[in-house]
PDB file of N, CA and C in Angstrom:
ATOM      1  N   MET A   1      -8.538  13.247 -31.662  1.00  0.00           N
ATOM      2  CA  MET A   1      -9.531  12.720 -30.743  1.00  0.00           C
ATOM      3  C   MET A   1     -10.854  13.434 -30.970  1.00  0.00           C
ATOM      4  N   ASP A   2     -11.907  12.699 -30.990  1.00  0.00           N
ATOM      5  CA  ASP A   2     -13.242  13.262 -31.194  1.00  0.00           C
ATOM      6  C   ASP A   2     -13.656  14.039 -29.942  1.00  0.00           C
ATOM      7  N   GLN A   3     -13.916  15.324 -30.087  1.00  0.00           N
ATOM      8  CA  GLN A   3     -14.279  16.186 -28.968  1.00  0.00           C
ATOM      9  C   GLN A   3     -15.636  15.844 -28.360  1.00  0.00           C
ATOM     10  N   ASN A   4     -16.449  15.069 -29.072  1.00  0.00           N
ATOM     11  CA  ASN A   4     -17.783  14.732 -28.584  1.00  0.00           C
ATOM     12  C   ASN A   4     -17.824  13.466 -27.737  1.00  0.00           C
ATOM     13  N   LEU A   5     -16.728  12.732 -27.698  1.00  0.00           N
ATOM     14  CA  LEU A   5     -16.699  11.508 -26.900  1.00  0.00           C
ATOM     15  C   LEU A   5     -16.523  11.854 -25.429  1.00  0.00           C
ATOM     16  N   PRO A   6     -17.254  11.172 -24.555  1.00  0.00           N
ATOM     17  CA  PRO A   6     -17.078  11.431 -23.116  1.00  0.00           C
ATOM     18  C   PRO A   6     -15.705  10.906 -22.667  1.00  0.00           C
ATOM     19  N   ILE A   7     -15.088  11.635 -21.788  1.00  0.00           N
ATOM     20  CA  ILE A   7     -13.795  11.230 -21.250  1.00  0.00           C
ATOM     21  C   ILE A   7     -14.049  10.414 -19.989  1.00  0.00           C
ATOM     22  N   LYS A   8     -13.475   9.223 -19.938  1.00  0.00           N
ATOM     23  CA  LYS A   8     -13.633   8.385 -18.750  1.00  0.00           C
ATOM     24  C   LYS A   8     -12.767   8.926 -17.630  1.00  0.00           C
ATOM     25  N   SER A   9     -13.299   8.892 -16.475  1.00  0.00           N
ATOM     26  CA  SER A   9     -12.567   9.326 -15.303  1.00  0.00           C
ATOM     27  C   SER A   9     -11.566   8.249 -14.898  1.00  0.00           C
ATOM     28  N   LEU A  10     -10.410   8.671 -14.447  1.00  0.00           N
ATOM     29  CA  LEU A  10      -9.381   7.731 -14.024  1.00  0.00           C
ATOM     30  C   LEU A  10      -9.865   6.823 -12.901  1.00  0.00           C
ATOM     31  N   ASP A  11     -10.734   7.319 -12.033  1.00  0.00           N
ATOM     32  CA  ASP A  11     -11.178   6.510 -10.897  1.00  0.00           C
ATOM     33  C   ASP A  11     -11.974   5.282 -11.315  1.00  0.00           C
ATOM     34  N   THR A  12     -12.368   5.193 -12.576  1.00  0.00           N
ATOM     35  CA  THR A  12     -13.075   4.015 -13.076  1.00  0.00           C
ATOM     36  C   THR A  12     -12.230   2.762 -12.916  1.00  0.00           C
ATOM     37  N   TYR A  13     -10.932   2.891 -13.037  1.00  0.00           N
ATOM     38  CA  TYR A  13     -10.039   1.736 -13.060  1.00  0.00           C
ATOM     39  C   TYR A  13      -9.290   1.499 -11.750  1.00  0.00           C
ATOM     40  N   LEU A  14      -9.438   2.369 -10.796  1.00  0.00           N
ATOM     41  CA  LEU A  14      -8.620   2.251  -9.589  1.00  0.00           C
ATOM     42  C   LEU A  14      -8.869   0.968  -8.811  1.00  0.00           C
ATOM     43  N   GLY A  15     -10.107   0.543  -8.671  1.00  0.00           N
ATOM     44  CA  GLY A  15     -10.397  -0.691  -7.956  1.00  0.00           C
ATOM     45  C   GLY A  15      -9.796  -1.891  -8.664  1.00  0.00           C
ATOM     46  N   LEU A  16      -9.890  -1.928  -9.977  1.00  0.00           N
ATOM     47  CA  LEU A  16      -9.312  -3.023 -10.746  1.00  0.00           C
ATOM     48  C   LEU A  16      -7.792  -3.021 -10.621  1.00  0.00           C
ATOM     49  N   CYS A  17      -7.180  -1.850 -10.691  1.00  0.00           N
ATOM     50  CA  CYS A  17      -5.723  -1.756 -10.545  1.00  0.00           C
ATOM     51  C   CYS A  17      -5.278  -2.259  -9.173  1.00  0.00           C
ATOM     52  N   THR A  18      -6.061  -1.948  -8.160  1.00  0.00           N
ATOM     53  CA  THR A  18      -5.736  -2.418  -6.814  1.00  0.00           C
ATOM     54  C   THR A  18      -5.786  -3.938  -6.742  1.00  0.00           C
ATOM     55  N   GLU A  19      -6.795  -4.541  -7.338  1.00  0.00           N
ATOM     56  CA  GLU A  19      -6.906  -6.005  -7.324  1.00  0.00           C
ATOM     57  C   GLU A  19      -5.755  -6.656  -8.092  1.00  0.00           C
ATOM     58  N   VAL A  20      -5.391  -6.098  -9.237  1.00  0.00           N
ATOM     59  CA  VAL A  20      -4.259  -6.626 -10.014  1.00  0.00           C
ATOM     60  C   VAL A  20      -2.968  -6.485  -9.214  1.00  0.00           C
ATOM     61  N   TYR A  21      -2.795  -5.341  -8.562  1.00  0.00           N
ATOM     62  CA  TYR A  21      -1.617  -5.112  -7.729  1.00  0.00           C
ATOM     63  C   TYR A  21      -1.535  -6.149  -6.606  1.00  0.00           C
ATOM     64  N   GLU A  22      -2.656  -6.382  -5.941  1.00  0.00           N
ATOM     65  CA  GLU A  22      -2.695  -7.368  -4.852  1.00  0.00           C
ATOM     66  C   GLU A  22      -2.347  -8.769  -5.344  1.00  0.00           C
ATOM     67  N   LEU A  23      -2.838  -9.135  -6.522  1.00  0.00           N
ATOM     68  CA  LEU A  23      -2.560 -10.463  -7.067  1.00  0.00           C
ATOM     69  C   LEU A  23      -1.113 -10.610  -7.533  1.00  0.00           C
ATOM     70  N   SER A  24      -0.564  -9.541  -8.099  1.00  0.00           N
ATOM     71  CA  SER A  24       0.786  -9.633  -8.669  1.00  0.00           C
ATOM     72  C   SER A  24       1.883  -9.319  -7.657  1.00  0.00           C
ATOM     73  N   LYS A  25       1.553  -8.590  -6.595  1.00  0.00           N
ATOM     74  CA  LYS A  25       2.550  -8.197  -5.596  1.00  0.00           C
ATOM     75  C   LYS A  25       1.984  -8.343  -4.186  1.00  0.00           C
ATOM     76  N   PRO A  26       1.643  -9.557  -3.789  1.00  0.00           N
ATOM     77  CA  PRO A  26       0.997  -9.719  -2.481  1.00  0.00           C
ATOM     78  C   PRO A  26       1.921  -9.460  -1.294  1.00  0.00           C
ATOM     79  N   HIS A  27       3.217  -9.655  -1.488  1.00  0.00           N
ATOM     80  CA  HIS A  27       4.178  -9.489  -0.386  1.00  0.00           C
ATOM     81  C   HIS A  27       5.371  -8.685  -0.872  1.00  0.00           C
ATOM     82  N   ALA A  28       6.001  -8.009   0.060  1.00  0.00           N
ATOM     83  CA  ALA A  28       7.221  -7.277  -0.274  1.00  0.00           C
ATOM     84  C   ALA A  28       8.322  -8.270  -0.634  1.00  0.00           C
ATOM     85  N   PRO A  29       9.168  -7.953  -1.609  1.00  0.00           N
ATOM     86  CA  PRO A  29      10.314  -8.817  -1.880  1.00  0.00           C
ATOM     87  C   PRO A  29      11.189  -8.895  -0.625  1.00  0.00           C
ATOM     88  N   SER A  30      11.628 -10.062  -0.266  1.00  0.00           N
ATOM     89  CA  SER A  30      12.340 -10.239   1.007  1.00  0.00           C
ATOM     90  C   SER A  30      13.599  -9.381   1.092  1.00  0.00           C
ATOM     91  N   ASP A  31      14.351  -9.252   0.003  1.00  0.00           N
ATOM     92  CA  ASP A  31      15.567  -8.434   0.064  1.00  0.00           C
ATOM     93  C   ASP A  31      15.237  -6.963   0.290  1.00  0.00           C
ATOM     94  N   ALA A  32      14.201  -6.469  -0.362  1.00  0.00           N
ATOM     95  CA  ALA A  32      13.796  -5.073  -0.178  1.00  0.00           C
ATOM     96  C   ALA A  32      13.248  -4.863   1.233  1.00  0.00           C
ATOM     97  N   TYR A  33      12.450  -5.818   1.714  1.00  0.00           N
ATOM     98  CA  TYR A  33      11.898  -5.693   3.063  1.00  0.00           C
ATOM     99  C   TYR A  33      13.026  -5.643   4.088  1.00  0.00           C
ATOM    100  N   LEU A  34      13.988  -6.529   3.973  1.00  0.00           N
ATOM    101  CA  LEU A  34      15.112  -6.551   4.925  1.00  0.00           C
ATOM    102  C   LEU A  34      15.920  -5.259   4.863  1.00  0.00           C
ATOM    103  N   PHE A  35      16.083  -4.716   3.663  1.00  0.00           N
ATOM    104  CA  PHE A  35      16.795  -3.447   3.500  1.00  0.00           C
ATOM    105  C   PHE A  35      16.096  -2.336   4.283  1.00  0.00           C
ATOM    106  N   TYR A  36      14.782  -2.176   4.060  1.00  0.00           N
ATOM    107  CA  TYR A  36      14.044  -1.119   4.754  1.00  0.00           C
ATOM    108  C   TYR A  36      13.909  -1.402   6.244  1.00  0.00           C
ATOM    109  N   ARG A  37      13.847  -2.660   6.600  1.00  0.00           N
ATOM    110  CA  ARG A  37      13.733  -3.035   8.012  1.00  0.00           C
ATOM    111  C   ARG A  37      14.969  -2.602   8.793  1.00  0.00           C
ATOM    112  N   THR A  38      16.147  -2.670   8.163  1.00  0.00           N
ATOM    113  CA  THR A  38      17.365  -2.235   8.858  1.00  0.00           C
ATOM    114  C   THR A  38      17.279  -0.761   9.236  1.00  0.00           C
ATOM    115  N   TYR A  39      16.663   0.049   8.389  1.00  0.00           N
ATOM    116  CA  TYR A  39      16.466   1.462   8.718  1.00  0.00           C
ATOM    117  C   TYR A  39      15.399   1.621   9.796  1.00  0.00           C
ATOM    118  N   ALA A  40      14.379   0.805   9.766  1.00  0.00           N
ATOM    119  CA  ALA A  40      13.332   0.860  10.779  1.00  0.00           C
ATOM    120  C   ALA A  40      13.903   0.535  12.155  1.00  0.00           C
ATOM    121  N   GLU A  41      14.850  -0.389  12.214  1.00  0.00           N
ATOM    122  CA  GLU A  41      15.442  -0.786  13.498  1.00  0.00           C
ATOM    123  C   GLU A  41      16.175   0.358  14.180  1.00  0.00           C
ATOM    124  N   VAL A  42      16.762   1.264  13.411  1.00  0.00           N
ATOM    125  CA  VAL A  42      17.532   2.355  14.008  1.00  0.00           C
ATOM    126  C   VAL A  42      16.741   3.662  14.087  1.00  0.00           C
ATOM    127  N   ALA A  43      15.495   3.638  13.644  1.00  0.00           N
ATOM    128  CA  ALA A  43      14.665   4.851  13.689  1.00  0.00           C
ATOM    129  C   ALA A  43      14.417   5.264  15.130  1.00  0.00           C
ATOM    130  N   LYS A  44      14.457   6.535  15.336  1.00  0.00           N
ATOM    131  CA  LYS A  44      14.189   7.078  16.674  1.00  0.00           C
ATOM    132  C   LYS A  44      12.802   7.725  16.655  1.00  0.00           C
ATOM    133  N   GLY A  45      11.779   6.906  16.681  1.00  0.00           N
ATOM    134  CA  GLY A  45      10.416   7.421  16.651  1.00  0.00           C
ATOM    135  C   GLY A  45       9.594   6.721  15.592  1.00  0.00           C
ATOM    136  N   ALA A  46       8.486   7.353  15.273  1.00  0.00           N
ATOM    137  CA  ALA A  46       7.553   6.767  14.311  1.00  0.00           C
ATOM    138  C   ALA A  46       8.157   6.766  12.905  1.00  0.00           C
ATOM    139  N   ILE A  47       7.708   5.806  12.112  1.00  0.00           N
ATOM    140  CA  ILE A  47       8.154   5.644  10.728  1.00  0.00           C
ATOM    141  C   ILE A  47       6.983   6.012   9.825  1.00  0.00           C
ATOM    142  N   LEU A  48       7.254   6.777   8.790  1.00  0.00           N
ATOM    143  CA  LEU A  48       6.228   7.169   7.833  1.00  0.00           C
ATOM    144  C   LEU A  48       6.548   6.527   6.486  1.00  0.00           C
ATOM    145  N   GLU A  49       5.593   5.780   5.948  1.00  0.00           N
ATOM    146  CA  GLU A  49       5.772   5.164   4.639  1.00  0.00           C
ATOM    147  C   GLU A  49       4.873   5.857   3.619  1.00  0.00           C
ATOM    148  N   PRO A  50       5.465   6.730   2.784  1.00  0.00           N
ATOM    149  CA  PRO A  50       4.670   7.316   1.711  1.00  0.00           C
ATOM    150  C   PRO A  50       4.373   6.268   0.649  1.00  0.00           C
ATOM    151  N   MET A  51       3.246   6.419  -0.029  1.00  0.00           N
ATOM    152  CA  MET A  51       2.843   5.476  -1.075  1.00  0.00           C
ATOM    153  C   MET A  51       2.801   4.043  -0.531  1.00  0.00           C
ATOM    154  N   CYS A  52       2.149   3.873   0.604  1.00  0.00           N
ATOM    155  CA  CYS A  52       2.122   2.570   1.273  1.00  0.00           C
ATOM    156  C   CYS A  52       1.262   1.549   0.555  1.00  0.00           C
ATOM    157  N   GLY A  53       0.443   1.991  -0.381  1.00  0.00           N
ATOM    158  CA  GLY A  53      -0.364   1.057  -1.161  1.00  0.00           C
ATOM    159  C   GLY A  53      -1.248   0.196  -0.290  1.00  0.00           C
ATOM    160  N   THR A  54      -1.210  -1.101  -0.551  1.00  0.00           N
ATOM    161  CA  THR A  54      -2.043  -2.037   0.198  1.00  0.00           C
ATOM    162  C   THR A  54      -1.332  -2.599   1.425  1.00  0.00           C
ATOM    163  N   GLY A  55      -0.140  -2.079   1.704  1.00  0.00           N
ATOM    164  CA  GLY A  55       0.538  -2.425   2.954  1.00  0.00           C
ATOM    165  C   GLY A  55       1.542  -3.548   2.901  1.00  0.00           C
ATOM    166  N   ARG A  56       2.095  -3.857   1.736  1.00  0.00           N
ATOM    167  CA  ARG A  56       2.998  -5.008   1.685  1.00  0.00           C
ATOM    168  C   ARG A  56       4.282  -4.794   2.476  1.00  0.00           C
ATOM    169  N   PHE A  57       4.686  -3.557   2.734  1.00  0.00           N
ATOM    170  CA  PHE A  57       5.800  -3.279   3.650  1.00  0.00           C
ATOM    171  C   PHE A  57       5.268  -2.880   5.027  1.00  0.00           C
ATOM    172  N   LEU A  58       4.239  -2.047   5.032  1.00  0.00           N
ATOM    173  CA  LEU A  58       3.703  -1.497   6.270  1.00  0.00           C
ATOM    174  C   LEU A  58       3.181  -2.575   7.221  1.00  0.00           C
ATOM    175  N   LEU A  59       2.405  -3.508   6.716  1.00  0.00           N
ATOM    176  CA  LEU A  59       1.796  -4.524   7.583  1.00  0.00           C
ATOM    177  C   LEU A  59       2.816  -5.430   8.274  1.00  0.00           C
ATOM    178  N   PRO A  60       3.822  -5.953   7.563  1.00  0.00           N
ATOM    179  CA  PRO A  60       4.818  -6.765   8.274  1.00  0.00           C
ATOM    180  C   PRO A  60       5.589  -5.970   9.323  1.00  0.00           C
ATOM    181  N   LEU A  61       5.858  -4.690   9.037  1.00  0.00           N
ATOM    182  CA  LEU A  61       6.541  -3.864  10.036  1.00  0.00           C
ATOM    183  C   LEU A  61       5.663  -3.673  11.268  1.00  0.00           C
ATOM    184  N   LEU A  62       4.366  -3.437  11.052  1.00  0.00           N
ATOM    185  CA  LEU A  62       3.437  -3.334  12.185  1.00  0.00           C
ATOM    186  C   LEU A  62       3.416  -4.630  12.990  1.00  0.00           C
ATOM    187  N   GLU A  63       3.375  -5.756  12.287  1.00  0.00           N
ATOM    188  CA  GLU A  63       3.333  -7.058  12.962  1.00  0.00           C
ATOM    189  C   GLU A  63       4.577  -7.292  13.807  1.00  0.00           C
ATOM    190  N   GLU A  64       5.691  -6.698  13.399  1.00  0.00           N
ATOM    191  CA  GLU A  64       6.933  -6.833  14.175  1.00  0.00           C
ATOM    192  C   GLU A  64       7.015  -5.820  15.312  1.00  0.00           C
ATOM    193  N   GLY A  65       6.005  -4.959  15.420  1.00  0.00           N
ATOM    194  CA  GLY A  65       5.961  -4.028  16.540  1.00  0.00           C
ATOM    195  C   GLY A  65       6.505  -2.639  16.255  1.00  0.00           C
ATOM    196  N   PHE A  66       6.830  -2.332  15.013  1.00  0.00           N
ATOM    197  CA  PHE A  66       7.308  -0.993  14.682  1.00  0.00           C
ATOM    198  C   PHE A  66       6.144  -0.011  14.675  1.00  0.00           C
ATOM    199  N   ASP A  67       6.429   1.218  15.037  1.00  0.00           N
ATOM    200  CA  ASP A  67       5.439   2.296  15.019  1.00  0.00           C
ATOM    201  C   ASP A  67       5.475   2.914  13.624  1.00  0.00           C
ATOM    202  N   VAL A  68       4.708   2.335  12.725  1.00  0.00           N
ATOM    203  CA  VAL A  68       4.744   2.763  11.322  1.00  0.00           C
ATOM    204  C   VAL A  68       3.377   3.257  10.881  1.00  0.00           C
ATOM    205  N   HIS A  69       3.394   4.338  10.105  1.00  0.00           N
ATOM    206  CA  HIS A  69       2.186   4.957   9.567  1.00  0.00           C
ATOM    207  C   HIS A  69       2.404   5.135   8.073  1.00  0.00           C
ATOM    208  N   GLY A  70       1.325   5.118   7.309  1.00  0.00           N
ATOM    209  CA  GLY A  70       1.474   5.271   5.874  1.00  0.00           C
ATOM    210  C   GLY A  70       0.398   6.146   5.278  1.00  0.00           C
ATOM    211  N   PHE A  71       0.673   6.597   4.058  1.00  0.00           N
ATOM    212  CA  PHE A  71      -0.334   7.326   3.295  1.00  0.00           C
ATOM    213  C   PHE A  71      -0.184   6.975   1.830  1.00  0.00           C
ATOM    214  N   ASP A  72      -1.249   7.183   1.084  1.00  0.00           N
ATOM    215  CA  ASP A  72      -1.251   6.887  -0.343  1.00  0.00           C
ATOM    216  C   ASP A  72      -2.271   7.792  -1.020  1.00  0.00           C
ATOM    217  N   ALA A  73      -2.025   8.133  -2.265  1.00  0.00           N
ATOM    218  CA  ALA A  73      -2.949   8.978  -3.029  1.00  0.00           C
ATOM    219  C   ALA A  73      -4.149   8.192  -3.536  1.00  0.00           C
ATOM    220  N   SER A  74      -4.079   6.869  -3.494  1.00  0.00           N
ATOM    221  CA  SER A  74      -5.139   6.035  -4.037  1.00  0.00           C
ATOM    222  C   SER A  74      -6.108   5.580  -2.947  1.00  0.00           C
ATOM    223  N   PRO A  75      -7.334   6.079  -2.980  1.00  0.00           N
ATOM    224  CA  PRO A  75      -8.328   5.614  -2.015  1.00  0.00           C
ATOM    225  C   PRO A  75      -8.581   4.108  -2.122  1.00  0.00           C
ATOM    226  N   SER A  76      -8.480   3.547  -3.320  1.00  0.00           N
ATOM    227  CA  SER A  76      -8.700   2.106  -3.502  1.00  0.00           C
ATOM    228  C   SER A  76      -7.619   1.293  -2.799  1.00  0.00           C
ATOM    229  N   MET A  77      -6.380   1.738  -2.914  1.00  0.00           N
ATOM    230  CA  MET A  77      -5.284   1.037  -2.237  1.00  0.00           C
ATOM    231  C   MET A  77      -5.464   1.119  -0.725  1.00  0.00           C
ATOM    232  N   LEU A  78      -5.812   2.289  -0.238  1.00  0.00           N
ATOM    233  CA  LEU A  78      -6.009   2.441   1.205  1.00  0.00           C
ATOM    234  C   LEU A  78      -7.203   1.641   1.707  1.00  0.00           C
ATOM    235  N   ALA A  79      -8.243   1.552   0.905  1.00  0.00           N
ATOM    236  CA  ALA A  79      -9.401   0.738   1.296  1.00  0.00           C
ATOM    237  C   ALA A  79      -8.990  -0.722   1.444  1.00  0.00           C
ATOM    238  N   LYS A  80      -8.157  -1.218   0.529  1.00  0.00           N
ATOM    239  CA  LYS A  80      -7.667  -2.604   0.615  1.00  0.00           C
ATOM    240  C   LYS A  80      -6.787  -2.773   1.856  1.00  0.00           C
ATOM    241  N   LEU A  81      -5.944  -1.792   2.138  1.00  0.00           N
ATOM    242  CA  LEU A  81      -5.109  -1.841   3.340  1.00  0.00           C
ATOM    243  C   LEU A  81      -5.978  -1.910   4.587  1.00  0.00           C
ATOM    244  N   HIS A  82      -6.979  -1.058   4.675  1.00  0.00           N
ATOM    245  CA  HIS A  82      -7.871  -1.064   5.845  1.00  0.00           C
ATOM    246  C   HIS A  82      -8.633  -2.384   5.947  1.00  0.00           C
ATOM    247  N   GLU A  83      -9.003  -2.934   4.809  1.00  0.00           N
ATOM    248  CA  GLU A  83      -9.673  -4.248   4.793  1.00  0.00           C
ATOM    249  C   GLU A  83      -8.750  -5.317   5.381  1.00  0.00           C
ATOM    250  N   LYS A  84      -7.484  -5.277   5.017  1.00  0.00           N
ATOM    251  CA  LYS A  84      -6.518  -6.254   5.514  1.00  0.00           C
ATOM    252  C   LYS A  84      -6.225  -6.091   7.000  1.00  0.00           C
ATOM    253  N   LEU A  85      -6.488  -4.908   7.527  1.00  0.00           N
ATOM    254  CA  LEU A  85      -6.281  -4.653   8.958  1.00  0.00           C
ATOM    255  C   LEU A  85      -7.426  -5.175   9.817  1.00  0.00           C
ATOM    256  N   GLN A  86      -8.546  -5.514   9.200  1.00  0.00           N
ATOM    257  CA  GLN A  86      -9.693  -6.027   9.947  1.00  0.00           C
ATOM    258  C   GLN A  86      -9.379  -7.427  10.478  1.00  0.00           C
ATOM    259  N   PRO A  87      -9.849  -7.765  11.666  1.00  0.00           N
ATOM    260  CA  PRO A  87      -9.518  -9.047  12.300  1.00  0.00           C
ATOM    261  C   PRO A  87      -9.837 -10.279  11.449  1.00  0.00           C
ATOM    262  N   ASN A  88     -10.898 -10.263  10.672  1.00  0.00           N
ATOM    263  CA  ASN A  88     -11.291 -11.465   9.925  1.00  0.00           C
ATOM    264  C   ASN A  88     -10.946 -11.408   8.449  1.00  0.00           C
ATOM    265  N   SER A  89      -9.892 -10.662   8.070  1.00  0.00           N
ATOM    266  CA  SER A  89      -9.560 -10.605   6.663  1.00  0.00           C
ATOM    267  C   SER A  89      -8.471 -11.573   6.291  1.00  0.00           C
TER     268      SER A  89
END
């Protein structure tokens, strides 16, 4: 590798990756969602979803009334999740 070439920062592609993710995986697979939902039903308290991404599991659980919270290392994914939480999205 040429030492004089500038190294691109990974964050250059995060917004694009988020858009591709949203287009290719807009909803949780129904079998996987039902599997995790069974655990949510017996939870005694709040549910934490690590790597929640754009919310394909988190949002339906919230809509069903579960007390669910999530986190993700990707600011782009979380920005899309917050966008989807807005009333007019």
